[in-house]
Amino acid sequence: MKLRRPYKIFRTVALTLVVLSLMAPLIWMIAASFKTNVDIYDTDKAFAFSPTLDNYANVLQQANYVQFIGNSLWVAFAATVLSLLLGVPAAYSMSRFNMKKSALVVLMARVIPGVSLLVPWYYVFSNLQMVGGFTVLVLSHMFVSLPLIVYIMMGYFDGLPTELEEAALVDGLTHIEAFRRITLPLSVPGIATAGILSFIFSWNNFMFALVLSGADTKTLPVAIFDFVGYASIDWGGLMAAATVVTLPIMLIALFVQKYVVSGLTAGATKG
């Protein structure tokens, strides 16, 4: 008992320091979004300042951020749905039919930095006159989300028992029917987890949209740079724009974290 109390104190202090170190940049960003540029540079007004909503008004009214929010939602949603439609059946096939070579290709696609493909992508898509459209953005985001979904769902399918599928095959169902009627309903937690993580990765993707998007197809991470000029930086507007980008994902992660954790661990405990 004497050893447990110092350990609990140390654990509490350590966790508090870790949480504060992680939350400090976020707290500063949100606080700065309610300050003027003068107040941001004034260290005496780090905590005591007069809040203003002018930065958010500039973001939402003058910078067309409503359009950019819609662009981000559309690209992330389309990339996630298409990746799920392709990735879930692919992961099931690799898991059930022991397709190790295909799984190796997926792993390689997961490891290769996407930035290394930007130059050939830009060359190919520019020759096809696709640069600046939503199609090329969705396809590029799928390069990140599709291997992620396959990687997650392969582990999930590996953890599901095969006896139910074998019984369905004995009853006369085909592999596709067994997958649709038996395996797919059991995989809803894993599919939800993969879809949520894919949406978050796509929402936060910056480099692909920076190179391949156009003036009307900008996503939020790229649109933030409108507040960075050659001579000066609008820190208030920049922090407000960053808050608009960050808070929706934080709220989604807050409400669905238990589903994400259960989906990631279910494949390792079933069967």
C-alpha atoms as a PDB file:
ATOM      1  CA  MET A   1       0.000   0.000   0.000  1.00  0.00           C
ATOM      2  CA  LYS A   2       2.874   2.383   0.725  1.00  0.00           C
ATOM      3  CA  LEU A   3       4.273   1.787  -2.760  1.00  0.00           C
ATOM      4  CA  ARG A   4       0.940   2.237  -4.496  1.00  0.00           C
ATOM      5  CA  ARG A   5       0.326   5.796  -3.318  1.00  0.00           C
ATOM      6  CA  PRO A   6       3.573   7.291  -4.759  1.00  0.00           C
ATOM      7  CA  TYR A   7       2.922   5.368  -7.966  1.00  0.00           C
ATOM      8  CA  LYS A   8      -0.594   6.780  -8.264  1.00  0.00           C
ATOM      9  CA  ILE A   9       0.691  10.287  -7.629  1.00  0.00           C
ATOM     10  CA  PHE A  10       3.422   9.864 -10.240  1.00  0.00           C
ATOM     11  CA  ARG A  11       0.943   8.443 -12.758  1.00  0.00           C
ATOM     12  CA  THR A  12      -1.500  11.306 -12.174  1.00  0.00           C
ATOM     13  CA  VAL A  13       1.212  13.945 -12.542  1.00  0.00           C
ATOM     14  CA  ALA A  14       2.655  12.279 -15.644  1.00  0.00           C
ATOM     15  CA  LEU A  15      -0.762  11.955 -17.326  1.00  0.00           C
ATOM     16  CA  THR A  16      -1.590  15.553 -16.457  1.00  0.00           C
ATOM     17  CA  LEU A  17       1.653  16.801 -18.001  1.00  0.00           C
ATOM     18  CA  VAL A  18       1.115  14.729 -21.148  1.00  0.00           C
ATOM     19  CA  VAL A  19      -2.470  15.970 -21.549  1.00  0.00           C
ATOM     20  CA  LEU A  20      -1.449  19.585 -20.982  1.00  0.00           C
ATOM     21  CA  SER A  21       1.415  19.327 -23.465  1.00  0.00           C
ATOM     22  CA  LEU A  22      -0.973  17.928 -26.076  1.00  0.00           C
ATOM     23  CA  MET A  23      -3.767  20.387 -25.357  1.00  0.00           C
ATOM     24  CA  ALA A  24      -1.647  23.529 -25.040  1.00  0.00           C
ATOM     25  CA  PRO A  25      -1.301  24.176 -28.821  1.00  0.00           C
ATOM     26  CA  LEU A  26      -5.026  23.573 -29.315  1.00  0.00           C
ATOM     27  CA  ILE A  27      -5.958  25.906 -26.449  1.00  0.00           C
ATOM     28  CA  TRP A  28      -3.628  28.601 -27.809  1.00  0.00           C
ATOM     29  CA  MET A  29      -5.097  28.207 -31.301  1.00  0.00           C
ATOM     30  CA  ILE A  30      -8.682  28.603 -30.077  1.00  0.00           C
ATOM     31  CA  ALA A  31      -7.760  31.549 -27.832  1.00  0.00           C
ATOM     32  CA  ALA A  32      -5.862  33.286 -30.636  1.00  0.00           C
ATOM     33  CA  SER A  33      -8.850  32.905 -32.950  1.00  0.00           C
ATOM     34  CA  PHE A  34     -10.758  35.315 -30.659  1.00  0.00           C
ATOM     35  CA  LYS A  35      -7.940  37.879 -30.549  1.00  0.00           C
ATOM     36  CA  THR A  36      -6.871  40.672 -32.830  1.00  0.00           C
ATOM     37  CA  ASN A  37      -3.409  40.467 -34.372  1.00  0.00           C
ATOM     38  CA  VAL A  38      -2.220  43.135 -31.955  1.00  0.00           C
ATOM     39  CA  ASP A  39      -3.406  41.118 -28.948  1.00  0.00           C
ATOM     40  CA  ILE A  40      -1.764  37.956 -30.264  1.00  0.00           C
ATOM     41  CA  TYR A  41       1.654  39.648 -30.241  1.00  0.00           C
ATOM     42  CA  ASP A  42       1.036  41.236 -26.819  1.00  0.00           C
ATOM     43  CA  THR A  43       2.297  38.827 -24.132  1.00  0.00           C
ATOM     44  CA  ASP A  44       0.446  40.790 -21.440  1.00  0.00           C
ATOM     45  CA  LYS A  45      -2.838  39.757 -23.071  1.00  0.00           C
ATOM     46  CA  ALA A  46      -2.069  36.059 -23.285  1.00  0.00           C
ATOM     47  CA  PHE A  47      -4.977  35.262 -20.974  1.00  0.00           C
ATOM     48  CA  ALA A  48      -6.722  38.602 -20.271  1.00  0.00           C
ATOM     49  CA  PHE A  49      -8.046  39.999 -23.553  1.00  0.00           C
ATOM     50  CA  SER A  50     -11.236  41.262 -25.146  1.00  0.00           C
ATOM     51  CA  PRO A  51     -12.607  38.488 -27.388  1.00  0.00           C
ATOM     52  CA  THR A  52     -13.769  39.313 -30.892  1.00  0.00           C
ATOM     53  CA  LEU A  53     -15.623  37.359 -33.566  1.00  0.00           C
ATOM     54  CA  ASP A  54     -14.225  39.387 -36.456  1.00  0.00           C
ATOM     55  CA  ASN A  55     -11.813  36.589 -37.412  1.00  0.00           C
ATOM     56  CA  TYR A  56     -14.648  34.077 -37.781  1.00  0.00           C
ATOM     57  CA  ALA A  57     -16.716  36.603 -39.717  1.00  0.00           C
ATOM     58  CA  ASN A  58     -13.789  37.065 -42.078  1.00  0.00           C
ATOM     59  CA  VAL A  59     -13.404  33.314 -42.475  1.00  0.00           C
ATOM     60  CA  LEU A  60     -17.057  32.478 -43.052  1.00  0.00           C
ATOM     61  CA  GLN A  61     -18.108  35.530 -45.091  1.00  0.00           C
ATOM     62  CA  GLN A  62     -15.155  37.021 -46.912  1.00  0.00           C
ATOM     63  CA  ALA A  63     -13.022  33.948 -47.652  1.00  0.00           C
ATOM     64  CA  ASN A  64     -15.733  31.647 -49.131  1.00  0.00           C
ATOM     65  CA  TYR A  65     -15.067  29.105 -46.415  1.00  0.00           C
ATOM     66  CA  VAL A  66     -18.601  27.742 -46.594  1.00  0.00           C
ATOM     67  CA  GLN A  67     -17.777  26.564 -50.109  1.00  0.00           C
ATOM     68  CA  PHE A  68     -14.465  25.108 -48.937  1.00  0.00           C
ATOM     69  CA  ILE A  69     -16.236  23.270 -46.104  1.00  0.00           C
ATOM     70  CA  GLY A  70     -18.583  21.745 -48.668  1.00  0.00           C
ATOM     71  CA  ASN A  71     -15.606  20.777 -50.836  1.00  0.00           C
ATOM     72  CA  SER A  72     -13.898  19.020 -47.933  1.00  0.00           C
ATOM     73  CA  LEU A  73     -17.087  17.197 -46.958  1.00  0.00           C
ATOM     74  CA  TRP A  74     -17.733  16.048 -50.533  1.00  0.00           C
ATOM     75  CA  VAL A  75     -14.176  14.852 -51.204  1.00  0.00           C
ATOM     76  CA  ALA A  76     -13.865  13.074 -47.844  1.00  0.00           C
ATOM     77  CA  PHE A  77     -17.313  11.469 -48.166  1.00  0.00           C
ATOM     78  CA  ALA A  78     -16.813  10.327 -51.766  1.00  0.00           C
ATOM     79  CA  ALA A  79     -13.309   8.967 -51.106  1.00  0.00           C
ATOM     80  CA  THR A  80     -14.519   7.102 -48.014  1.00  0.00           C
ATOM     81  CA  VAL A  81     -17.575   5.543 -49.664  1.00  0.00           C
ATOM     82  CA  LEU A  82     -15.691   4.444 -52.784  1.00  0.00           C
ATOM     83  CA  SER A  83     -12.841   3.071 -50.677  1.00  0.00           C
ATOM     84  CA  LEU A  84     -15.286   1.082 -48.556  1.00  0.00           C
ATOM     85  CA  LEU A  85     -17.037  -0.324 -51.643  1.00  0.00           C
ATOM     86  CA  LEU A  86     -13.691  -1.518 -53.028  1.00  0.00           C
ATOM     87  CA  GLY A  87     -11.735  -2.174 -49.852  1.00  0.00           C
ATOM     88  CA  VAL A  88     -14.150  -4.307 -47.823  1.00  0.00           C
ATOM     89  CA  PRO A  89     -14.636  -7.045 -50.494  1.00  0.00           C
ATOM     90  CA  ALA A  90     -10.906  -6.928 -51.269  1.00  0.00           C
ATOM     91  CA  ALA A  91      -9.992  -7.376 -47.604  1.00  0.00           C
ATOM     92  CA  TYR A  92     -12.452 -10.269 -47.295  1.00  0.00           C
ATOM     93  CA  SER A  93     -10.951 -12.024 -50.327  1.00  0.00           C
ATOM     94  CA  MET A  94      -7.393 -11.561 -49.067  1.00  0.00           C
ATOM     95  CA  SER A  95      -8.338 -12.831 -45.621  1.00  0.00           C
ATOM     96  CA  ARG A  96     -10.427 -15.843 -46.599  1.00  0.00           C
ATOM     97  CA  PHE A  97      -8.410 -17.018 -49.616  1.00  0.00           C
ATOM     98  CA  ASN A  98      -4.962 -16.344 -48.123  1.00  0.00           C
ATOM     99  CA  MET A  99      -3.850 -13.936 -50.850  1.00  0.00           C
ATOM    100  CA  LYS A 100      -0.474 -13.033 -49.350  1.00  0.00           C
ATOM    101  CA  LYS A 101       0.948 -11.375 -52.461  1.00  0.00           C
ATOM    102  CA  SER A 102      -2.023  -9.054 -52.770  1.00  0.00           C
ATOM    103  CA  ALA A 103      -1.769  -8.259 -49.087  1.00  0.00           C
ATOM    104  CA  LEU A 104       1.903  -7.405 -49.608  1.00  0.00           C
ATOM    105  CA  VAL A 105       0.959  -4.967 -52.376  1.00  0.00           C
ATOM    106  CA  VAL A 106      -1.540  -3.289 -50.050  1.00  0.00           C
ATOM    107  CA  LEU A 107       1.099  -3.053 -47.337  1.00  0.00           C
ATOM    108  CA  MET A 108       3.535  -1.468 -49.783  1.00  0.00           C
ATOM    109  CA  ALA A 109       0.893   1.075 -50.825  1.00  0.00           C
ATOM    110  CA  ARG A 110       0.325   1.817 -47.138  1.00  0.00           C
ATOM    111  CA  VAL A 111       4.046   2.396 -46.537  1.00  0.00           C
ATOM    112  CA  ILE A 112       4.958   4.395 -49.671  1.00  0.00           C
ATOM    113  CA  PRO A 113       4.789   8.160 -48.971  1.00  0.00           C
ATOM    114  CA  GLY A 114       2.030   9.698 -51.029  1.00  0.00           C
ATOM    115  CA  VAL A 115       4.147  12.782 -51.703  1.00  0.00           C
ATOM    116  CA  SER A 116       6.519  10.662 -53.792  1.00  0.00           C
ATOM    117  CA  LEU A 117       3.686  10.085 -56.291  1.00  0.00           C
ATOM    118  CA  LEU A 118       2.574  13.684 -56.629  1.00  0.00           C
ATOM    119  CA  VAL A 119       4.858  14.523 -59.560  1.00  0.00           C
ATOM    120  CA  PRO A 120       3.822  11.536 -61.757  1.00  0.00           C
ATOM    121  CA  TRP A 121       0.202  12.015 -60.733  1.00  0.00           C
ATOM    122  CA  TYR A 122       0.285  15.675 -61.694  1.00  0.00           C
ATOM    123  CA  TYR A 123       1.901  14.848 -65.040  1.00  0.00           C
ATOM    124  CA  VAL A 124      -0.646  12.141 -65.868  1.00  0.00           C
ATOM    125  CA  PHE A 125      -3.730  14.003 -64.663  1.00  0.00           C
ATOM    126  CA  SER A 126      -2.663  17.278 -66.276  1.00  0.00           C
ATOM    127  CA  ASN A 127      -2.344  15.495 -69.636  1.00  0.00           C
ATOM    128  CA  LEU A 128      -5.832  14.114 -69.053  1.00  0.00           C
ATOM    129  CA  GLN A 129      -7.016  17.640 -68.170  1.00  0.00           C
ATOM    130  CA  MET A 130      -8.287  16.456 -64.797  1.00  0.00           C
ATOM    131  CA  VAL A 131      -6.211  18.693 -62.510  1.00  0.00           C
ATOM    132  CA  GLY A 132      -8.416  21.114 -60.619  1.00  0.00           C
ATOM    133  CA  GLY A 133     -11.491  18.872 -60.522  1.00  0.00           C
ATOM    134  CA  PHE A 134     -13.080  16.845 -57.764  1.00  0.00           C
ATOM    135  CA  THR A 135     -12.432  13.527 -59.519  1.00  0.00           C
ATOM    136  CA  VAL A 136      -8.676  13.756 -59.218  1.00  0.00           C
ATOM    137  CA  LEU A 137      -8.955  14.801 -55.562  1.00  0.00           C
ATOM    138  CA  VAL A 138     -11.171  11.826 -54.732  1.00  0.00           C
ATOM    139  CA  LEU A 139      -8.844   9.416 -56.551  1.00  0.00           C
ATOM    140  CA  SER A 140      -5.759  10.802 -54.813  1.00  0.00           C
ATOM    141  CA  HIS A 141      -7.407  10.628 -51.385  1.00  0.00           C
ATOM    142  CA  MET A 142      -8.374   7.032 -52.094  1.00  0.00           C
ATOM    143  CA  PHE A 143      -4.660   6.225 -52.320  1.00  0.00           C
ATOM    144  CA  VAL A 144      -4.523   6.863 -48.567  1.00  0.00           C
ATOM    145  CA  SER A 145      -7.955   5.621 -47.501  1.00  0.00           C
ATOM    146  CA  LEU A 146      -8.195   2.421 -49.574  1.00  0.00           C
ATOM    147  CA  PRO A 147      -5.046   0.694 -48.179  1.00  0.00           C
ATOM    148  CA  LEU A 148      -6.064   1.839 -44.687  1.00  0.00           C
ATOM    149  CA  ILE A 149      -9.497   0.244 -45.010  1.00  0.00           C
ATOM    150  CA  VAL A 150      -8.077  -2.980 -46.466  1.00  0.00           C
ATOM    151  CA  TYR A 151      -5.453  -3.141 -43.711  1.00  0.00           C
ATOM    152  CA  ILE A 152      -8.030  -2.685 -40.931  1.00  0.00           C
ATOM    153  CA  MET A 153     -10.643  -5.008 -42.407  1.00  0.00           C
ATOM    154  CA  MET A 154      -8.177  -7.817 -43.115  1.00  0.00           C
ATOM    155  CA  GLY A 155      -7.384  -8.006 -39.408  1.00  0.00           C
ATOM    156  CA  TYR A 156     -11.083  -7.860 -38.600  1.00  0.00           C
ATOM    157  CA  PHE A 157     -12.018 -10.654 -41.018  1.00  0.00           C
ATOM    158  CA  ASP A 158      -9.124 -12.785 -39.753  1.00  0.00           C
ATOM    159  CA  GLY A 159     -10.664 -12.608 -36.282  1.00  0.00           C
ATOM    160  CA  LEU A 160     -14.162 -13.633 -37.372  1.00  0.00           C
ATOM    161  CA  PRO A 161     -15.016 -17.343 -37.069  1.00  0.00           C
ATOM    162  CA  THR A 162     -15.346 -19.186 -40.358  1.00  0.00           C
ATOM    163  CA  GLU A 163     -17.812 -21.806 -39.078  1.00  0.00           C
ATOM    164  CA  LEU A 164     -20.861 -19.678 -39.910  1.00  0.00           C
ATOM    165  CA  GLU A 165     -19.688 -19.167 -43.473  1.00  0.00           C
ATOM    166  CA  GLU A 166     -18.902 -22.851 -43.861  1.00  0.00           C
ATOM    167  CA  ALA A 167     -22.392 -23.733 -42.623  1.00  0.00           C
ATOM    168  CA  ALA A 168     -23.872 -21.274 -45.132  1.00  0.00           C
ATOM    169  CA  LEU A 169     -21.869 -22.884 -47.942  1.00  0.00           C
ATOM    170  CA  VAL A 170     -23.152 -26.299 -46.896  1.00  0.00           C
ATOM    171  CA  ASP A 171     -26.707 -24.913 -47.082  1.00  0.00           C
ATOM    172  CA  GLY A 172     -26.104 -23.974 -50.713  1.00  0.00           C
ATOM    173  CA  LEU A 173     -25.003 -20.353 -50.564  1.00  0.00           C
ATOM    174  CA  THR A 174     -22.174 -19.105 -52.731  1.00  0.00           C
ATOM    175  CA  HIS A 175     -19.148 -17.310 -51.283  1.00  0.00           C
ATOM    176  CA  ILE A 176     -20.622 -13.962 -52.348  1.00  0.00           C
ATOM    177  CA  GLU A 177     -23.990 -14.740 -50.734  1.00  0.00           C
ATOM    178  CA  ALA A 178     -22.284 -15.954 -47.552  1.00  0.00           C
ATOM    179  CA  PHE A 179     -20.278 -12.751 -47.437  1.00  0.00           C
ATOM    180  CA  ARG A 180     -23.354 -10.576 -47.994  1.00  0.00           C
ATOM    181  CA  ARG A 181     -25.697 -12.391 -45.598  1.00  0.00           C
ATOM    182  CA  ILE A 182     -23.355 -13.666 -42.866  1.00  0.00           C
ATOM    183  CA  THR A 183     -20.003 -11.906 -42.769  1.00  0.00           C
ATOM    184  CA  LEU A 184     -21.007  -8.376 -43.758  1.00  0.00           C
ATOM    185  CA  PRO A 185     -23.564  -7.877 -40.936  1.00  0.00           C
ATOM    186  CA  LEU A 186     -20.999  -9.147 -38.413  1.00  0.00           C
ATOM    187  CA  SER A 187     -18.433  -6.691 -39.774  1.00  0.00           C
ATOM    188  CA  VAL A 188     -20.411  -3.499 -39.197  1.00  0.00           C
ATOM    189  CA  PRO A 189     -18.234  -2.331 -36.235  1.00  0.00           C
ATOM    190  CA  GLY A 190     -15.058  -2.833 -38.249  1.00  0.00           C
ATOM    191  CA  ILE A 191     -16.535  -1.126 -41.309  1.00  0.00           C
ATOM    192  CA  ALA A 192     -17.632   1.829 -39.178  1.00  0.00           C
ATOM    193  CA  THR A 193     -14.144   2.100 -37.700  1.00  0.00           C
ATOM    194  CA  ALA A 194     -12.439   1.958 -41.092  1.00  0.00           C
ATOM    195  CA  GLY A 195     -14.890   4.488 -42.541  1.00  0.00           C
ATOM    196  CA  ILE A 196     -14.413   6.965 -39.685  1.00  0.00           C
ATOM    197  CA  LEU A 197     -10.622   6.782 -39.847  1.00  0.00           C
ATOM    198  CA  SER A 198     -10.702   7.084 -43.636  1.00  0.00           C
ATOM    199  CA  PHE A 199     -12.914  10.170 -43.423  1.00  0.00           C
ATOM    200  CA  ILE A 200     -10.590  11.785 -40.885  1.00  0.00           C
ATOM    201  CA  PHE A 201      -7.484  11.088 -42.980  1.00  0.00           C
ATOM    202  CA  SER A 202      -9.189  12.475 -46.077  1.00  0.00           C
ATOM    203  CA  TRP A 203     -10.490  15.558 -44.256  1.00  0.00           C
ATOM    204  CA  ASN A 204      -6.987  16.387 -42.982  1.00  0.00           C
ATOM    205  CA  ASN A 205      -5.163  15.635 -46.240  1.00  0.00           C
ATOM    206  CA  PHE A 206      -3.209  18.687 -47.354  1.00  0.00           C
ATOM    207  CA  MET A 207      -0.515  17.828 -49.890  1.00  0.00           C
ATOM    208  CA  PHE A 208      -2.727  16.171 -52.525  1.00  0.00           C
ATOM    209  CA  ALA A 209      -5.249  19.002 -52.471  1.00  0.00           C
ATOM    210  CA  LEU A 210      -2.489  21.629 -52.572  1.00  0.00           C
ATOM    211  CA  VAL A 211      -1.082  20.271 -55.835  1.00  0.00           C
ATOM    212  CA  LEU A 212      -4.176  18.857 -57.550  1.00  0.00           C
ATOM    213  CA  SER A 213      -7.036  21.176 -56.562  1.00  0.00           C
ATOM    214  CA  GLY A 214      -8.215  24.306 -58.342  1.00  0.00           C
ATOM    215  CA  ALA A 215      -9.571  27.661 -57.199  1.00  0.00           C
ATOM    216  CA  ASP A 216     -13.121  26.279 -56.926  1.00  0.00           C
ATOM    217  CA  THR A 217     -12.187  22.851 -55.523  1.00  0.00           C
ATOM    218  CA  LYS A 218      -9.962  23.885 -52.629  1.00  0.00           C
ATOM    219  CA  THR A 219     -10.407  21.932 -49.432  1.00  0.00           C
ATOM    220  CA  LEU A 220     -10.135  23.505 -45.985  1.00  0.00           C
ATOM    221  CA  PRO A 221      -6.494  22.576 -45.227  1.00  0.00           C
ATOM    222  CA  VAL A 222      -5.409  24.323 -48.439  1.00  0.00           C
ATOM    223  CA  ALA A 223      -7.718  27.297 -48.001  1.00  0.00           C
ATOM    224  CA  ILE A 224      -6.048  28.110 -44.690  1.00  0.00           C
ATOM    225  CA  PHE A 225      -3.021  29.380 -46.587  1.00  0.00           C
ATOM    226  CA  ASP A 226      -5.061  32.286 -47.927  1.00  0.00           C
ATOM    227  CA  PHE A 227      -4.245  33.986 -44.633  1.00  0.00           C
ATOM    228  CA  VAL A 228      -0.500  33.651 -45.209  1.00  0.00           C
ATOM    229  CA  GLY A 229       0.852  36.480 -47.349  1.00  0.00           C
ATOM    230  CA  TYR A 230       4.272  37.392 -48.661  1.00  0.00           C
ATOM    231  CA  ALA A 231       4.738  40.329 -46.315  1.00  0.00           C
ATOM    232  CA  SER A 232       2.571  39.422 -43.319  1.00  0.00           C
ATOM    233  CA  ILE A 233       0.443  36.717 -41.739  1.00  0.00           C
ATOM    234  CA  ASP A 234      -3.103  37.253 -40.523  1.00  0.00           C
ATOM    235  CA  TRP A 235      -2.665  35.195 -37.369  1.00  0.00           C
ATOM    236  CA  GLY A 236      -6.187  35.822 -36.111  1.00  0.00           C
ATOM    237  CA  GLY A 237      -7.798  34.710 -39.348  1.00  0.00           C
ATOM    238  CA  LEU A 238      -5.348  31.820 -39.643  1.00  0.00           C
ATOM    239  CA  MET A 239      -6.197  30.537 -36.163  1.00  0.00           C
ATOM    240  CA  ALA A 240      -9.930  30.938 -36.800  1.00  0.00           C
ATOM    241  CA  ALA A 241      -9.629  29.009 -40.052  1.00  0.00           C
ATOM    242  CA  ALA A 242      -7.578  26.309 -38.326  1.00  0.00           C
ATOM    243  CA  THR A 243     -10.246  26.059 -35.622  1.00  0.00           C
ATOM    244  CA  VAL A 244     -12.946  25.624 -38.269  1.00  0.00           C
ATOM    245  CA  VAL A 245     -10.893  22.768 -39.756  1.00  0.00           C
ATOM    246  CA  THR A 246     -10.035  21.105 -36.449  1.00  0.00           C
ATOM    247  CA  LEU A 247     -13.165  21.264 -34.323  1.00  0.00           C
ATOM    248  CA  PRO A 248     -15.474  19.139 -36.555  1.00  0.00           C
ATOM    249  CA  ILE A 249     -12.965  16.299 -36.574  1.00  0.00           C
ATOM    250  CA  MET A 250     -12.400  16.640 -32.836  1.00  0.00           C
ATOM    251  CA  LEU A 251     -16.145  16.426 -32.196  1.00  0.00           C
ATOM    252  CA  ILE A 252     -16.454  13.391 -34.460  1.00  0.00           C
ATOM    253  CA  ALA A 253     -13.524  11.698 -32.687  1.00  0.00           C
ATOM    254  CA  LEU A 254     -15.021  12.549 -29.286  1.00  0.00           C
ATOM    255  CA  PHE A 255     -18.404  11.006 -30.042  1.00  0.00           C
ATOM    256  CA  VAL A 256     -17.220   7.928 -31.927  1.00  0.00           C
ATOM    257  CA  GLN A 257     -14.054   7.062 -30.001  1.00  0.00           C
ATOM    258  CA  LYS A 258     -15.652   4.094 -28.232  1.00  0.00           C
ATOM    259  CA  TYR A 259     -16.821   2.678 -31.555  1.00  0.00           C
ATOM    260  CA  VAL A 260     -13.369   3.128 -33.058  1.00  0.00           C
ATOM    261  CA  VAL A 261     -11.695   1.359 -30.155  1.00  0.00           C
ATOM    262  CA  SER A 262     -14.221  -1.487 -30.157  1.00  0.00           C
ATOM    263  CA  GLY A 263     -13.900  -1.898 -33.907  1.00  0.00           C
ATOM    264  CA  LEU A 264     -10.108  -1.994 -33.789  1.00  0.00           C
ATOM    265  CA  THR A 265     -10.022  -4.563 -30.972  1.00  0.00           C
ATOM    266  CA  ALA A 266     -12.983  -6.762 -32.007  1.00  0.00           C
ATOM    267  CA  GLY A 267     -11.063  -8.496 -34.758  1.00  0.00           C
ATOM    268  CA  ALA A 268      -8.392  -9.552 -32.305  1.00  0.00           C
ATOM    269  CA  THR A 269     -10.808 -11.029 -29.765  1.00  0.00           C
ATOM    270  CA  LYS A 270     -13.415 -12.855 -31.858  1.00  0.00           C
ATOM    271  CA  GLY A 271     -13.039 -16.470 -32.793  1.00  0.00           C
END
